[in-house]
Amino acid sequence: MYAMLSLDLDRLTTSDQRKIFYEHLKNEKWVKISKVTTTWRASFEASVTEAGAIQTTKNDVAMAAKKAGVTSYDAIVHIGANEPAAF
């Protein structure tokens, strides 16, 4: 199971805050998709439910925001059986 996450951080977010935010996502095994700005992917074990993957994603983003001091962001996640295709 895979997740694709797209983020919009508040325009007032500093470059240092972004760095901390992104580092936390990387530490949680998220991989930045190089072709699209602020889009990430992660893989989950087959036993993880869709609801579980969504909750884990929410937790990862919330913790990244907390660590970075980011108070405003928008996020969207899609869960699917196949890895996102970048082109």
Protein backbone atom coordinates (compact mmCIF):
# COMPACT_ATOMS: atom_id res chain seq x y z
CA MET A 1 0.00 0.00 0.00
CA TYR A 2 1.26 3.46 -0.87
CA ALA A 3 0.43 6.99 0.17
CA MET A 4 0.89 10.15 -1.85
CA LEU A 5 0.95 13.35 0.20
CA SER A 6 0.76 16.88 -1.14
CA LEU A 7 1.44 19.83 1.16
CA ASP A 8 0.98 23.57 1.05
CA LEU A 9 2.76 25.27 3.92
CA ASP A 10 1.73 28.80 4.85
CA ARG A 11 3.51 31.38 2.70
CA LEU A 12 5.05 32.88 5.84
CA THR A 13 6.85 29.62 6.63
CA THR A 14 10.58 30.30 6.78
CA SER A 15 13.17 28.25 4.93
CA ASP A 16 14.47 26.96 8.28
CA GLN A 17 10.96 25.82 9.26
CA ARG A 18 10.57 24.06 5.90
CA LYS A 19 13.89 22.32 6.39
CA ILE A 20 12.88 21.02 9.83
CA PHE A 21 9.44 20.00 8.55
CA TYR A 22 10.87 18.11 5.58
CA GLU A 23 13.59 16.46 7.68
CA HIS A 24 10.94 15.04 10.00
CA LEU A 25 9.02 13.59 7.05
CA LYS A 26 12.23 12.03 5.72
CA ASN A 27 12.89 10.53 9.15
CA GLU A 28 9.41 8.97 9.03
CA LYS A 29 10.31 7.26 5.72
CA TRP A 30 8.56 9.73 3.41
CA VAL A 31 10.30 10.27 0.05
CA LYS A 32 9.97 13.58 -1.77
CA ILE A 33 8.77 13.16 -5.34
CA SER A 34 11.28 15.21 -7.29
CA LYS A 35 9.06 16.12 -10.22
CA VAL A 36 6.38 17.91 -8.19
CA THR A 37 6.95 20.52 -5.48
CA THR A 38 5.92 19.52 -1.94
CA THR A 39 4.66 16.07 -2.92
CA TRP A 40 5.80 13.00 -1.02
CA ARG A 41 5.25 9.24 -1.09
CA ALA A 42 5.48 6.51 1.50
CA SER A 43 4.91 2.77 1.53
CA PHE A 44 3.11 0.77 4.17
CA GLU A 45 3.04 -2.91 4.98
CA ALA A 46 0.24 -4.87 3.33
CA SER A 47 -1.41 -5.42 6.71
CA VAL A 48 -1.99 -1.68 7.23
CA THR A 49 -5.55 -0.54 6.53
CA GLU A 50 -6.40 2.54 4.49
CA ALA A 51 -7.67 4.25 7.65
CA GLY A 52 -4.44 3.33 9.43
CA ALA A 53 -2.30 4.76 6.62
CA ILE A 54 -4.32 7.98 6.63
CA GLN A 55 -4.00 8.32 10.41
CA THR A 56 -0.26 7.66 10.28
CA THR A 57 0.07 10.32 7.57
CA LYS A 58 -1.90 12.83 9.66
CA ASN A 59 0.30 12.07 12.67
CA ASP A 60 3.53 12.41 10.65
CA VAL A 61 2.45 15.78 9.21
CA ALA A 62 1.22 17.08 12.57
CA MET A 63 4.49 16.13 14.27
CA ALA A 64 6.55 17.69 11.46
CA ALA A 65 4.54 20.90 11.83
CA LYS A 66 4.98 20.89 15.60
CA LYS A 67 8.75 20.33 15.39
CA ALA A 68 9.10 23.06 12.76
CA GLY A 69 6.81 25.56 14.49
CA VAL A 70 4.49 25.59 11.47
CA THR A 71 0.96 26.49 12.53
CA SER A 72 -0.81 26.67 9.18
CA TYR A 73 -0.75 24.15 6.35
CA ASP A 74 -3.05 22.28 3.99
CA ALA A 75 -2.50 18.64 3.12
CA ILE A 76 -4.10 15.98 0.99
CA VAL A 77 -3.32 12.27 0.97
CA HIS A 78 -4.27 9.50 -1.41
CA ILE A 79 -3.89 5.84 -0.48
CA GLY A 80 -3.60 3.20 -3.18
CA ALA A 81 -2.22 -0.20 -4.04
CA ASN A 82 0.34 1.13 -6.51
CA GLU A 83 3.27 3.47 -6.11
CA PRO A 84 2.57 6.98 -7.49
CA ALA A 85 3.95 7.45 -11.01
CA ALA A 86 5.94 10.62 -11.65
CA PHE A 87 6.50 11.84 -15.20
